[in-house]
């Protein structure tokens, strides 16, 4: 039963990664379209106020999405390493303790 739950978890994370990649792709296309279309329009102002205020939202969407993608990938790597060998988990915890003590001494 535990193995089934772990496989279901991994499947869910992989599906989240796929959906997030698709979302980031379309967000980048939309952001690029807004910037290019706004720069080459023949109007008094290159970007309207609503376009101008929506651009930081798209930038933040892409940045937060990339960070979330990295976190999910790191979780999958960590969970696969901890399942493969318990000694690696002990090694990584001792490495974290060593890093914490060295940063505290600075």
Foldseek 3Di string as FASTA:
>chain_A
DVVVVVVVVVVVLVVVLVVLVVVLVVLVVVLVCLVVCLQPDPDPHSHDPVSVVCNVVSVVSNVVSVVVSVVSVVVVVVVVVCVVDVVVVVVVVVVVVVVVVVVVVD
